[in-house]
Amino acid sequence: QHSLYNTAQLKIEKELAPLIKGTVVKRHIRGKIYYYLCYRKGKNVHNKYLSTRKPMKIVKEIERRRKLIKELREVKIALKMLRSIRPKII
């Protein structure tokens, strides 16, 4: 089971790497709607203009990233439990 979770962790981390980080923010400016990608780089928050229409491809990619992060947390918790249960071999 331990190797199964390690493999799952590596697979999820590999799938997460190319996905877009951040969130899509909608702003109303002078009666028009604009969409921005809001993300953190170091301590700074950046906003990148996307378009006047909701960028569904980016929204879906961000949702996929969030699901994978949730899965990764669960895998890491399971690995931690397995390490605590498994007897230490010296």
N, C-alpha and C. Protein backbone atom coordinates (compact mmCIF):
# COMPACT_ATOMS: atom_id res chain seq x y z
N GLN A 1 0.82 -1.20 0.00
CA GLN A 1 0.00 0.00 0.00
C GLN A 1 0.85 1.26 0.00
N HIS A 2 1.98 1.20 0.69
CA HIS A 2 2.84 2.36 0.79
C HIS A 2 3.31 2.79 -0.60
N SER A 3 3.73 1.83 -1.42
CA SER A 3 4.21 2.16 -2.76
C SER A 3 3.06 2.66 -3.65
N LEU A 4 1.87 2.16 -3.40
CA LEU A 4 0.70 2.60 -4.15
C LEU A 4 0.45 4.09 -3.90
N TYR A 5 0.50 4.51 -2.65
CA TYR A 5 0.29 5.92 -2.30
C TYR A 5 1.45 6.79 -2.81
N ASN A 6 2.68 6.28 -2.75
CA ASN A 6 3.82 7.03 -3.29
C ASN A 6 3.66 7.26 -4.79
N THR A 7 3.22 6.23 -5.49
CA THR A 7 2.99 6.35 -6.93
C THR A 7 1.88 7.35 -7.22
N ALA A 8 0.81 7.30 -6.43
CA ALA A 8 -0.30 8.24 -6.60
C ALA A 8 0.16 9.67 -6.35
N GLN A 9 0.99 9.87 -5.33
CA GLN A 9 1.50 11.20 -5.01
C GLN A 9 2.34 11.74 -6.17
N LEU A 10 3.23 10.93 -6.71
CA LEU A 10 4.06 11.37 -7.83
C LEU A 10 3.22 11.69 -9.06
N LYS A 11 2.20 10.88 -9.33
CA LYS A 11 1.33 11.09 -10.47
C LYS A 11 0.58 12.42 -10.33
N ILE A 12 0.03 12.68 -9.15
CA ILE A 12 -0.72 13.91 -8.92
C ILE A 12 0.20 15.13 -9.03
N GLU A 13 1.38 15.05 -8.44
CA GLU A 13 2.33 16.18 -8.50
C GLU A 13 2.75 16.46 -9.94
N LYS A 14 2.92 15.41 -10.74
CA LYS A 14 3.29 15.58 -12.14
C LYS A 14 2.15 16.24 -12.93
N GLU A 15 0.92 15.86 -12.60
CA GLU A 15 -0.25 16.43 -13.28
C GLU A 15 -0.50 17.88 -12.85
N LEU A 16 -0.14 18.22 -11.61
CA LEU A 16 -0.34 19.57 -11.10
C LEU A 16 0.63 20.59 -11.71
N ALA A 17 1.83 20.16 -12.03
CA ALA A 17 2.89 21.07 -12.44
C ALA A 17 2.50 22.03 -13.59
N PRO A 18 1.91 21.55 -14.69
CA PRO A 18 1.63 22.49 -15.78
C PRO A 18 0.34 23.30 -15.63
N LEU A 19 -0.47 22.99 -14.63
CA LEU A 19 -1.76 23.67 -14.49
C LEU A 19 -1.60 25.10 -13.97
N ILE A 20 -2.54 25.96 -14.38
CA ILE A 20 -2.52 27.37 -14.00
C ILE A 20 -2.85 27.54 -12.53
N LYS A 21 -2.08 28.41 -11.86
CA LYS A 21 -2.34 28.74 -10.45
C LYS A 21 -3.16 30.02 -10.39
N GLY A 22 -3.93 30.15 -9.34
CA GLY A 22 -4.67 31.38 -9.12
C GLY A 22 -6.18 31.19 -9.22
N THR A 23 -6.86 32.29 -9.44
CA THR A 23 -8.30 32.26 -9.56
C THR A 23 -8.74 33.33 -10.55
N VAL A 24 -9.88 33.10 -11.20
CA VAL A 24 -10.41 34.07 -12.15
C VAL A 24 -11.31 35.03 -11.39
N VAL A 25 -11.05 36.33 -11.58
CA VAL A 25 -11.79 37.38 -10.87
C VAL A 25 -12.55 38.20 -11.90
N LYS A 26 -13.82 38.49 -11.59
CA LYS A 26 -14.65 39.32 -12.46
C LYS A 26 -14.69 40.73 -11.88
N ARG A 27 -14.43 41.73 -12.74
CA ARG A 27 -14.46 43.13 -12.29
C ARG A 27 -15.39 43.94 -13.18
N HIS A 28 -16.15 44.82 -12.52
CA HIS A 28 -17.04 45.73 -13.23
C HIS A 28 -16.34 47.08 -13.32
N ILE A 29 -16.02 47.51 -14.54
CA ILE A 29 -15.35 48.79 -14.74
C ILE A 29 -16.15 49.58 -15.77
N ARG A 30 -16.67 50.72 -15.35
CA ARG A 30 -17.46 51.60 -16.23
C ARG A 30 -18.57 50.86 -16.95
N GLY A 31 -19.27 50.01 -16.23
CA GLY A 31 -20.41 49.30 -16.79
C GLY A 31 -20.07 48.06 -17.60
N LYS A 32 -18.81 47.76 -17.78
CA LYS A 32 -18.41 46.57 -18.52
C LYS A 32 -17.79 45.55 -17.57
N ILE A 33 -17.82 44.30 -18.00
CA ILE A 33 -17.26 43.22 -17.18
C ILE A 33 -15.95 42.77 -17.81
N TYR A 34 -14.92 42.67 -16.95
CA TYR A 34 -13.60 42.21 -17.38
C TYR A 34 -13.16 41.07 -16.47
N TYR A 35 -12.47 40.09 -17.04
CA TYR A 35 -11.98 38.95 -16.28
C TYR A 35 -10.47 39.00 -16.17
N TYR A 36 -10.00 38.74 -14.95
CA TYR A 36 -8.57 38.77 -14.66
C TYR A 36 -8.17 37.47 -13.98
N LEU A 37 -6.93 37.06 -14.19
CA LEU A 37 -6.35 35.95 -13.45
C LEU A 37 -5.59 36.55 -12.29
N CYS A 38 -6.00 36.20 -11.08
CA CYS A 38 -5.38 36.72 -9.86
C CYS A 38 -4.54 35.59 -9.26
N TYR A 39 -3.25 35.87 -9.08
CA TYR A 39 -2.36 34.84 -8.53
C TYR A 39 -1.27 35.49 -7.69
N ARG A 40 -0.68 34.70 -6.82
CA ARG A 40 0.37 35.17 -5.93
C ARG A 40 1.72 34.73 -6.46
N LYS A 41 2.67 35.66 -6.47
CA LYS A 41 4.04 35.36 -6.86
C LYS A 41 4.92 35.90 -5.75
N GLY A 42 5.42 34.98 -4.91
CA GLY A 42 6.15 35.40 -3.72
C GLY A 42 5.16 36.02 -2.73
N LYS A 43 5.45 37.22 -2.29
CA LYS A 43 4.55 37.91 -1.37
C LYS A 43 3.57 38.82 -2.10
N ASN A 44 3.77 39.01 -3.40
CA ASN A 44 2.95 39.94 -4.17
C ASN A 44 1.79 39.23 -4.87
N VAL A 45 0.66 39.94 -4.99
CA VAL A 45 -0.50 39.44 -5.72
C VAL A 45 -0.52 40.14 -7.07
N HIS A 46 -0.63 39.35 -8.14
CA HIS A 46 -0.64 39.89 -9.50
C HIS A 46 -2.01 39.65 -10.13
N ASN A 47 -2.41 40.57 -11.00
CA ASN A 47 -3.65 40.45 -11.76
C ASN A 47 -3.31 40.56 -13.23
N LYS A 48 -3.69 39.54 -13.99
CA LYS A 48 -3.40 39.52 -15.42
C LYS A 48 -4.73 39.55 -16.17
N TYR A 49 -4.87 40.52 -17.06
CA TYR A 49 -6.10 40.64 -17.84
C TYR A 49 -6.27 39.42 -18.75
N LEU A 50 -7.50 38.87 -18.78
CA LEU A 50 -7.79 37.72 -19.63
C LEU A 50 -8.66 38.10 -20.82
N SER A 51 -9.89 38.57 -20.54
CA SER A 51 -10.80 38.94 -21.63
C SER A 51 -12.07 39.56 -21.06
N THR A 52 -12.99 39.90 -21.97
CA THR A 52 -14.29 40.42 -21.54
C THR A 52 -15.30 39.29 -21.40
N ARG A 53 -14.96 38.11 -21.91
CA ARG A 53 -15.81 36.93 -21.75
C ARG A 53 -15.17 35.98 -20.77
N LYS A 54 -16.01 35.24 -20.05
CA LYS A 54 -15.48 34.31 -19.04
C LYS A 54 -14.64 33.23 -19.71
N PRO A 55 -13.37 33.12 -19.34
CA PRO A 55 -12.47 32.12 -19.96
C PRO A 55 -12.70 30.73 -19.35
N MET A 56 -13.65 30.01 -19.92
CA MET A 56 -14.06 28.72 -19.35
C MET A 56 -12.93 27.70 -19.33
N LYS A 57 -12.04 27.73 -20.30
CA LYS A 57 -10.92 26.79 -20.33
C LYS A 57 -10.04 26.97 -19.10
N ILE A 58 -9.75 28.22 -18.76
CA ILE A 58 -8.91 28.51 -17.60
C ILE A 58 -9.65 28.17 -16.31
N VAL A 59 -10.95 28.47 -16.26
CA VAL A 59 -11.75 28.16 -15.07
C VAL A 59 -11.76 26.66 -14.82
N LYS A 60 -11.94 25.87 -15.86
CA LYS A 60 -11.94 24.41 -15.72
C LYS A 60 -10.58 23.89 -15.27
N GLU A 61 -9.52 24.49 -15.80
CA GLU A 61 -8.16 24.08 -15.42
C GLU A 61 -7.90 24.38 -13.94
N ILE A 62 -8.38 25.53 -13.47
CA ILE A 62 -8.21 25.89 -12.06
C ILE A 62 -9.02 24.95 -11.17
N GLU A 63 -10.24 24.61 -11.60
CA GLU A 63 -11.06 23.65 -10.85
C GLU A 63 -10.36 22.29 -10.77
N ARG A 64 -9.77 21.86 -11.88
CA ARG A 64 -9.03 20.59 -11.90
C ARG A 64 -7.86 20.63 -10.93
N ARG A 65 -7.16 21.77 -10.91
CA ARG A 65 -6.04 21.95 -9.99
C ARG A 65 -6.49 21.83 -8.54
N ARG A 66 -7.61 22.46 -8.21
CA ARG A 66 -8.14 22.39 -6.83
C ARG A 66 -8.49 20.97 -6.43
N LYS A 67 -9.10 20.22 -7.36
CA LYS A 67 -9.44 18.82 -7.07
C LYS A 67 -8.18 17.99 -6.84
N LEU A 68 -7.18 18.22 -7.67
CA LEU A 68 -5.92 17.47 -7.52
C LEU A 68 -5.22 17.81 -6.21
N ILE A 69 -5.26 19.07 -5.80
CA ILE A 69 -4.65 19.46 -4.53
C ILE A 69 -5.36 18.77 -3.37
N LYS A 70 -6.69 18.67 -3.47
CA LYS A 70 -7.46 17.98 -2.43
C LYS A 70 -7.07 16.50 -2.38
N GLU A 71 -6.95 15.88 -3.55
CA GLU A 71 -6.52 14.47 -3.62
C GLU A 71 -5.13 14.30 -3.03
N LEU A 72 -4.23 15.22 -3.36
CA LEU A 72 -2.85 15.15 -2.88
C LEU A 72 -2.80 15.23 -1.36
N ARG A 73 -3.62 16.10 -0.78
CA ARG A 73 -3.68 16.20 0.68
C ARG A 73 -4.12 14.87 1.30
N GLU A 74 -5.13 14.24 0.69
CA GLU A 74 -5.62 12.96 1.21
C GLU A 74 -4.55 11.88 1.11
N VAL A 75 -3.82 11.86 0.01
CA VAL A 75 -2.74 10.88 -0.18
C VAL A 75 -1.65 11.10 0.86
N LYS A 76 -1.29 12.36 1.08
CA LYS A 76 -0.25 12.66 2.07
C LYS A 76 -0.68 12.27 3.48
N ILE A 77 -1.95 12.46 3.80
CA ILE A 77 -2.47 12.04 5.12
C ILE A 77 -2.38 10.52 5.25
N ALA A 78 -2.76 9.81 4.18
CA ALA A 78 -2.69 8.35 4.21
C ALA A 78 -1.25 7.87 4.37
N LEU A 79 -0.33 8.51 3.66
CA LEU A 79 1.09 8.15 3.79
C LEU A 79 1.60 8.40 5.21
N LYS A 80 1.17 9.50 5.79
CA LYS A 80 1.60 9.81 7.16
C LYS A 80 1.08 8.76 8.14
N MET A 81 -0.17 8.34 7.93
CA MET A 81 -0.74 7.31 8.79
C MET A 81 0.01 5.99 8.63
N LEU A 82 0.33 5.63 7.38
CA LEU A 82 1.05 4.39 7.13
C LEU A 82 2.44 4.42 7.77
N ARG A 83 3.09 5.57 7.70
CA ARG A 83 4.42 5.68 8.31
C ARG A 83 4.36 5.54 9.82
N SER A 84 3.31 6.07 10.42
CA SER A 84 3.20 5.99 11.89
C SER A 84 2.83 4.58 12.34
N ILE A 85 2.09 3.84 11.51
CA ILE A 85 1.68 2.47 11.86
C ILE A 85 2.80 1.48 11.58
N ARG A 86 3.49 1.67 10.45
CA ARG A 86 4.55 0.75 10.04
C ARG A 86 5.68 0.71 11.07
N PRO A 87 6.08 -0.46 11.48
CA PRO A 87 7.18 -0.55 12.45
C PRO A 87 8.48 -0.07 11.82
N LYS A 88 9.25 0.64 12.60
CA LYS A 88 10.53 1.18 12.13
C LYS A 88 11.56 0.05 12.06
N ILE A 89 12.15 -0.10 10.88
CA ILE A 89 13.18 -1.13 10.69
C ILE A 89 14.54 -0.45 10.69
N ILE A 90 15.41 -0.89 11.59
CA ILE A 90 16.74 -0.28 11.74
C ILE A 90 17.79 -1.18 11.15
